[in-house]
N, C-alpha and C. Protein backbone atom coordinates (compact mmCIF):
# COMPACT_ATOMS: atom_id res chain seq x y z
N MET A 1 28.00 40.86 13.08
CA MET A 1 27.24 40.02 12.07
C MET A 1 25.78 40.43 12.19
N LYS A 2 25.05 40.84 11.13
CA LYS A 2 23.61 41.09 11.15
C LYS A 2 22.74 39.26 11.11
N ARG A 3 22.32 39.25 12.04
CA ARG A 3 21.15 37.84 12.04
C ARG A 3 20.09 38.11 10.97
N ASN A 4 19.89 37.08 10.23
CA ASN A 4 18.96 36.62 9.02
C ASN A 4 17.53 36.27 9.81
N PRO A 5 16.61 37.18 9.58
CA PRO A 5 15.24 36.80 10.53
C PRO A 5 14.72 35.68 10.16
N ASN A 6 15.17 34.88 8.82
CA ASN A 6 14.59 33.46 8.61
C ASN A 6 15.48 32.53 9.05
N ASP A 7 16.50 32.74 10.00
CA ASP A 7 17.54 31.65 10.44
C ASP A 7 16.52 30.43 11.03
N HIS A 8 15.90 30.74 11.88
CA HIS A 8 15.20 29.74 12.17
C HIS A 8 14.27 28.79 11.37
N LEU A 9 13.95 29.37 10.53
CA LEU A 9 13.32 28.48 9.11
C LEU A 9 14.16 27.48 8.64
N ARG A 10 15.59 27.73 8.59
CA ARG A 10 16.49 26.95 8.36
C ARG A 10 16.88 25.61 8.98
N LEU A 11 16.13 25.91 10.25
CA LEU A 11 16.25 24.42 11.16
C LEU A 11 15.12 23.79 10.84
N LEU A 12 13.98 23.78 10.27
CA LEU A 12 13.17 22.96 9.88
C LEU A 12 13.45 21.78 9.16
N PRO A 13 13.02 20.54 9.19
CA PRO A 13 13.60 19.44 8.49
C PRO A 13 13.67 19.59 7.03
N LEU A 14 12.83 20.39 6.35
CA LEU A 14 12.57 20.55 4.90
C LEU A 14 13.76 21.21 4.38
N ASN A 15 13.84 22.38 5.10
CA ASN A 15 15.21 22.98 4.78
C ASN A 15 16.52 22.33 5.17
N LEU A 16 16.59 21.46 6.29
CA LEU A 16 17.89 20.77 6.73
C LEU A 16 17.97 19.85 5.58
N VAL A 17 17.01 18.86 4.80
CA VAL A 17 17.39 18.26 3.98
C VAL A 17 17.46 18.86 2.53
N ALA A 18 17.05 19.61 2.25
CA ALA A 18 17.32 20.66 1.08
C ALA A 18 18.75 21.23 1.23
N SER A 19 19.27 21.42 2.10
CA SER A 19 20.74 21.85 2.21
C SER A 19 21.76 20.54 2.36
N LEU A 20 21.26 19.30 2.68
CA LEU A 20 21.85 18.36 2.58
C LEU A 20 22.35 17.92 1.06
N LYS A 21 20.94 18.16 0.35
CA LYS A 21 20.92 17.97 -0.99
C LYS A 21 21.64 18.81 -1.97
N LEU A 22 21.69 20.05 -1.32
CA LEU A 22 22.32 21.36 -2.12
C LEU A 22 24.04 20.74 -1.97
N LYS A 23 24.74 20.33 -0.59
CA LYS A 23 25.82 20.08 -0.44
C LYS A 23 26.31 18.95 -1.23
N ALA A 24 25.06 17.96 -1.52
CA ALA A 24 25.51 16.67 -2.04
C ALA A 24 25.65 17.07 -3.80
N ALA A 25 25.03 17.94 -4.20
CA ALA A 25 25.46 18.68 -5.57
C ALA A 25 26.55 19.64 -5.43
N GLY A 26 27.26 19.61 -4.71
CA GLY A 26 28.04 20.53 -4.84
C GLY A 26 27.77 22.09 -4.86
N LYS A 27 26.95 22.28 -4.20
CA LYS A 27 26.78 23.72 -4.11
C LYS A 27 26.55 24.27 -2.60
N THR A 28 26.37 25.60 -2.50
CA THR A 28 26.46 25.94 -0.96
C THR A 28 25.35 26.97 -1.22
N ASP A 29 24.48 26.76 -0.04
CA ASP A 29 23.19 27.42 0.27
C ASP A 29 23.60 28.88 0.59
N TYR A 30 23.03 29.87 0.03
CA TYR A 30 23.13 31.15 0.54
C TYR A 30 22.03 31.62 1.56
N PRO A 31 22.51 32.64 2.36
CA PRO A 31 21.68 32.90 3.70
C PRO A 31 20.39 33.59 3.14
N ASP A 32 20.41 34.31 2.07
CA ASP A 32 19.17 35.37 1.94
C ASP A 32 17.98 34.39 1.21
N ILE A 33 18.28 33.22 0.75
CA ILE A 33 17.01 32.40 0.05
C ILE A 33 17.12 31.07 0.84
N LEU A 34 16.03 30.58 1.35
CA LEU A 34 15.91 29.20 2.06
C LEU A 34 16.08 28.29 1.10
N PRO A 35 17.10 27.15 1.67
CA PRO A 35 17.53 26.23 0.91
C PRO A 35 16.49 25.28 0.20
N VAL A 36 15.31 24.94 0.71
CA VAL A 36 14.18 24.40 -0.22
C VAL A 36 13.96 25.09 -1.48
N PHE A 37 13.89 26.30 -1.33
CA PHE A 37 13.80 27.22 -2.81
C PHE A 37 15.10 27.31 -3.57
N GLN A 38 16.12 26.88 -2.84
CA GLN A 38 17.38 27.16 -3.65
C GLN A 38 17.54 25.75 -4.59
N LEU A 39 17.36 24.66 -3.84
CA LEU A 39 17.34 23.58 -4.41
C LEU A 39 16.41 23.40 -5.64
N MET A 40 15.30 23.81 -5.33
CA MET A 40 14.34 23.72 -6.76
C MET A 40 14.80 24.54 -7.56
N ALA A 41 15.34 25.81 -7.30
CA ALA A 41 16.09 26.79 -8.53
C ALA A 41 17.08 25.98 -9.18
N TRP A 42 18.12 25.33 -8.33
CA TRP A 42 19.04 24.36 -8.80
C TRP A 42 18.45 23.57 -9.82
N GLY A 43 17.51 22.72 -9.54
CA GLY A 43 16.50 21.99 -10.47
C GLY A 43 16.35 22.25 -11.51
N LEU A 44 15.96 23.71 -11.45
CA LEU A 44 15.57 24.11 -12.64
C LEU A 44 16.68 24.56 -13.83
N ALA A 45 17.46 24.74 -12.84
CA ALA A 45 19.03 25.24 -13.59
C ALA A 45 19.80 24.18 -14.39
N ASN A 46 19.36 22.94 -13.78
CA ASN A 46 20.14 21.62 -14.25
C ASN A 46 19.38 20.64 -15.01
N GLY A 47 17.99 21.19 -15.48
CA GLY A 47 17.34 20.39 -16.56
C GLY A 47 16.20 19.70 -16.15
N VAL A 48 15.94 20.06 -14.88
CA VAL A 48 14.46 19.51 -14.44
C VAL A 48 13.23 20.25 -15.29
N PRO A 49 12.70 19.47 -15.92
CA PRO A 49 11.81 20.25 -16.56
C PRO A 49 10.39 20.58 -15.98
N LEU A 50 9.81 21.68 -16.52
CA LEU A 50 8.62 22.26 -15.94
C LEU A 50 7.46 21.78 -16.71
N THR A 51 6.04 21.61 -15.86
CA THR A 51 4.81 21.31 -16.62
C THR A 51 4.15 22.79 -16.98
N HIS A 52 4.73 23.82 -16.54
CA HIS A 52 4.20 24.92 -16.66
C HIS A 52 5.20 26.17 -16.37
N CYS A 53 5.30 27.17 -17.21
CA CYS A 53 6.45 28.32 -16.89
C CYS A 53 5.96 29.00 -15.58
N ARG A 54 4.42 28.85 -15.17
CA ARG A 54 4.07 29.56 -14.19
C ARG A 54 4.69 29.24 -12.87
N THR A 55 5.28 27.61 -13.15
CA THR A 55 5.73 27.30 -11.91
C THR A 55 6.97 27.80 -11.30
N GLU A 56 7.75 28.48 -12.63
CA GLU A 56 9.01 28.92 -11.96
C GLU A 56 8.77 30.40 -11.66
N HIS A 57 7.78 31.27 -12.25
CA HIS A 57 7.41 32.76 -11.59
C HIS A 57 7.10 32.47 -10.19
N GLU A 58 6.10 31.44 -9.69
CA GLU A 58 5.86 31.30 -8.63
C GLU A 58 6.87 30.65 -7.63
N LEU A 59 7.86 30.16 -8.21
CA LEU A 59 9.16 29.67 -7.14
C LEU A 59 9.91 30.99 -7.06
N ALA A 60 10.09 32.00 -8.00
CA ALA A 60 10.61 33.08 -8.00
C ALA A 60 10.13 34.16 -6.85
N ARG A 61 8.66 34.15 -6.68
CA ARG A 61 7.77 35.01 -6.02
C ARG A 61 7.94 34.55 -4.64
N LEU A 62 7.79 33.30 -4.34
CA LEU A 62 7.83 32.67 -3.11
C LEU A 62 9.23 32.63 -2.07
N SER A 63 10.47 32.35 -3.25
CA SER A 63 11.53 32.63 -2.46
C SER A 63 11.92 33.99 -2.14
N LYS A 64 11.16 35.14 -2.49
CA LYS A 64 11.40 36.43 -2.54
C LYS A 64 10.21 37.19 -1.20
N LEU A 65 9.48 36.08 -1.06
CA LEU A 65 8.47 36.92 -0.22
C LEU A 65 9.09 37.38 1.10
N GLU A 66 8.72 38.46 1.79
CA GLU A 66 9.04 38.80 2.85
C GLU A 66 8.92 37.88 4.26
N ASP A 67 7.76 37.27 4.36
CA ASP A 67 7.45 36.44 5.11
C ASP A 67 7.58 34.56 4.55
N GLN A 68 8.70 34.49 4.95
CA GLN A 68 9.23 32.84 4.30
C GLN A 68 8.30 31.88 5.02
N GLN A 69 7.67 32.32 6.34
CA GLN A 69 7.13 31.07 6.58
C GLN A 69 5.95 31.11 6.06
N ASP A 70 5.11 31.99 5.55
CA ASP A 70 4.19 31.79 4.64
C ASP A 70 4.40 31.10 3.41
N ALA A 71 5.59 31.53 3.08
CA ALA A 71 6.27 30.81 1.76
C ALA A 71 6.23 29.23 1.73
N MET A 72 6.70 28.78 2.90
CA MET A 72 7.01 27.47 3.04
C MET A 72 5.74 27.00 3.39
N ASP A 73 4.69 27.44 4.20
CA ASP A 73 3.30 26.97 4.42
C ASP A 73 2.56 26.78 3.01
N TYR A 74 2.90 27.54 2.19
CA TYR A 74 1.99 27.37 1.20
C TYR A 74 2.66 26.20 0.50
N LEU A 75 3.73 26.34 0.12
CA LEU A 75 4.30 25.28 -0.77
C LEU A 75 4.04 23.81 0.09
N VAL A 76 3.86 23.59 1.08
CA VAL A 76 3.71 22.18 1.66
C VAL A 76 2.26 21.92 2.62
N LYS A 77 1.50 23.08 2.23
CA LYS A 77 0.04 22.98 2.79
C LYS A 77 -0.56 21.81 1.92
N GLY A 78 -1.28 20.56 2.41
CA GLY A 78 -1.85 19.72 2.06
C GLY A 78 -0.84 18.59 1.07
N VAL A 79 0.37 18.63 1.32
CA VAL A 79 1.42 17.61 0.63
C VAL A 79 1.00 16.32 0.82
N PRO A 80 0.62 15.35 -0.13
CA PRO A 80 0.26 14.05 -0.01
C PRO A 80 1.74 13.14 0.77
N GLY A 81 0.86 12.58 2.01
CA GLY A 81 1.31 11.96 2.85
C GLY A 81 2.06 12.47 4.04
N GLY A 82 2.02 13.95 3.92
CA GLY A 82 2.31 14.57 5.08
C GLY A 82 3.55 14.82 5.08
N LEU A 83 4.33 15.79 5.93
CA LEU A 83 5.81 16.55 6.01
C LEU A 83 6.67 15.27 6.14
N PRO A 84 6.44 14.35 7.15
CA PRO A 84 7.47 13.20 7.44
C PRO A 84 7.83 12.22 6.35
N GLU A 85 6.38 12.13 5.42
CA GLU A 85 6.86 11.03 4.17
C GLU A 85 7.34 11.85 3.28
N LEU A 86 7.38 13.38 2.89
CA LEU A 86 7.99 14.02 2.10
C LEU A 86 9.60 13.95 2.49
N HIS A 87 10.08 14.09 3.80
CA HIS A 87 11.13 14.19 4.19
C HIS A 87 11.91 12.76 3.86
N ARG A 88 11.08 11.96 4.18
CA ARG A 88 11.77 10.53 3.98
C ARG A 88 12.31 10.55 2.45
N ASN A 89 11.02 10.77 1.51
CA ASN A 89 11.22 10.86 0.14
C ASN A 89 12.58 11.53 -0.26
N LEU A 90 12.79 12.44 0.07
CA LEU A 90 13.60 13.90 -0.44
C LEU A 90 15.18 12.96 0.14
N LEU A 91 15.19 12.43 1.33
CA LEU A 91 16.57 11.59 1.78
C LEU A 91 16.67 10.77 0.76
N ARG A 92 15.90 9.83 0.53
CA ARG A 92 16.21 8.81 -0.40
C ARG A 92 16.63 9.41 -1.76
N PHE A 93 16.39 10.49 -2.23
CA PHE A 93 16.42 10.46 -3.60
C PHE A 93 17.99 11.59 -3.74
N PRO A 94 18.60 11.32 -5.20
CA PRO A 94 19.77 12.21 -5.39
C PRO A 94 19.20 13.58 -5.43
N PRO A 95 20.11 14.52 -5.54
CA PRO A 95 19.71 16.11 -5.44
C PRO A 95 18.57 16.42 -6.49
N LYS A 96 18.75 16.15 -7.82
CA LYS A 96 18.09 16.42 -9.03
C LYS A 96 16.66 15.81 -8.76
N ALA A 97 16.60 14.29 -8.18
CA ALA A 97 15.36 13.83 -8.35
C ALA A 97 14.50 14.78 -6.89
N ALA A 98 15.41 15.01 -6.20
CA ALA A 98 14.54 15.47 -4.85
C ALA A 98 14.10 17.17 -5.23
N ALA A 99 14.82 17.79 -6.04
CA ALA A 99 14.20 19.10 -6.92
C ALA A 99 13.08 18.90 -7.34
N HIS A 100 12.87 17.68 -8.53
CA HIS A 100 12.03 17.59 -9.30
C HIS A 100 10.80 17.55 -8.33
N LEU A 101 11.02 16.60 -7.44
CA LEU A 101 9.95 16.33 -6.52
C LEU A 101 9.21 17.46 -5.90
N LEU A 102 10.34 18.31 -5.21
CA LEU A 102 9.89 19.61 -4.85
C LEU A 102 8.97 20.47 -5.98
N LEU A 103 9.51 20.63 -7.36
CA LEU A 103 8.73 21.27 -8.19
C LEU A 103 7.54 20.88 -8.49
N ASP A 104 7.33 19.35 -8.59
CA ASP A 104 6.14 18.62 -8.69
C ASP A 104 5.27 19.25 -7.34
N ILE A 105 5.72 19.28 -6.43
CA ILE A 105 4.60 19.67 -5.16
C ILE A 105 4.34 21.03 -5.37
N LEU A 106 5.20 21.86 -5.66
CA LEU A 106 4.69 23.14 -5.90
C LEU A 106 3.67 23.28 -7.34
N ASP A 107 3.93 22.41 -8.36
CA ASP A 107 2.92 22.56 -9.50
C ASP A 107 1.50 22.20 -8.90
N MET A 108 1.57 21.27 -8.12
CA MET A 108 0.37 20.47 -7.42
C MET A 108 -0.48 21.52 -6.84
N ARG A 109 0.66 22.23 -6.12
CA ARG A 109 -0.19 23.47 -5.22
C ARG A 109 -0.71 24.36 -6.01
N LEU A 110 -0.37 24.99 -6.95
CA LEU A 110 -0.69 25.91 -7.79
C LEU A 110 -2.10 25.34 -8.49
N LYS A 111 -1.87 24.18 -8.92
CA LYS A 111 -3.18 23.71 -9.56
C LYS A 111 -4.17 23.64 -8.63
N ALA A 112 -4.08 23.37 -7.22
CA ALA A 112 -5.14 23.35 -6.43
C ALA A 112 -5.42 24.88 -5.76
N ASP A 113 -4.94 25.60 -5.92
CA ASP A 113 -5.15 27.02 -5.35
C ASP A 113 -6.06 27.51 -5.95
N PRO A 114 -7.31 27.87 -5.02
CA PRO A 114 -8.52 28.53 -5.82
C PRO A 114 -8.40 29.95 -5.81
N ARG A 115 -7.20 30.57 -5.39
CA ARG A 115 -7.17 31.75 -5.56
C ARG A 115 -6.56 32.49 -6.75
N ASN A 116 -6.06 31.62 -7.37
CA ASN A 116 -5.23 31.97 -8.84
C ASN A 116 -5.25 30.69 -9.61
N PRO A 117 -6.40 30.65 -10.54
CA PRO A 117 -6.47 28.99 -11.15
C PRO A 117 -5.38 29.28 -12.26
N TYR A 118 -5.09 27.67 -12.08
CA TYR A 118 -3.90 27.23 -13.09
C TYR A 118 -4.65 27.58 -14.49
N PRO A 119 -3.48 27.97 -15.41
CA PRO A 119 -3.69 28.16 -17.06
C PRO A 119 -4.29 27.08 -17.60
N VAL A 120 -5.31 26.81 -18.33
CA VAL A 120 -5.54 25.48 -18.87
C VAL A 120 -4.69 25.70 -20.31
N GLU A 121 -4.30 24.42 -20.51
CA GLU A 121 -3.19 24.44 -21.85
C GLU A 121 -4.32 24.06 -22.70
N PRO A 122 -3.74 24.83 -24.17
CA PRO A 122 -4.55 24.30 -25.26
C PRO A 122 -4.50 22.45 -25.65
N THR A 123 -5.48 22.33 -26.31
CA THR A 123 -5.52 21.05 -26.44
C THR A 123 -5.39 20.70 -27.53
N GLY A 124 -5.40 21.57 -28.49
CA GLY A 124 -4.95 21.23 -29.98
C GLY A 124 -5.96 21.03 -30.88
N ALA A 125 -7.15 20.93 -30.32
CA ALA A 125 -8.51 20.50 -31.23
C ALA A 125 -9.06 21.60 -31.62
């Protein structure tokens, strides 16, 4: 059996919590995508609203990056309250709310990324 080079990332607390949430939702996590990204995609497929369509495109990009450590680092860089607080919040929430929280974090991360400015929504004025 061929070993996945990202298996060690599945042991990080964020992925362990995401895997638990996927199981609670009746879903099996797949070995080729980290559970945190799978949970977010599951949330989108189950009605979690997006602030902007760019969030969905960025989720797809991150989940397919060759260096999944970079993808995880990008997602959680500067997360409010730090990772332990995020883990506690995710554990408290049902799967859909956990996915929503993670998608909100990705959205905030996109807004804060100086390399790729977040698109400005038309004000209608």
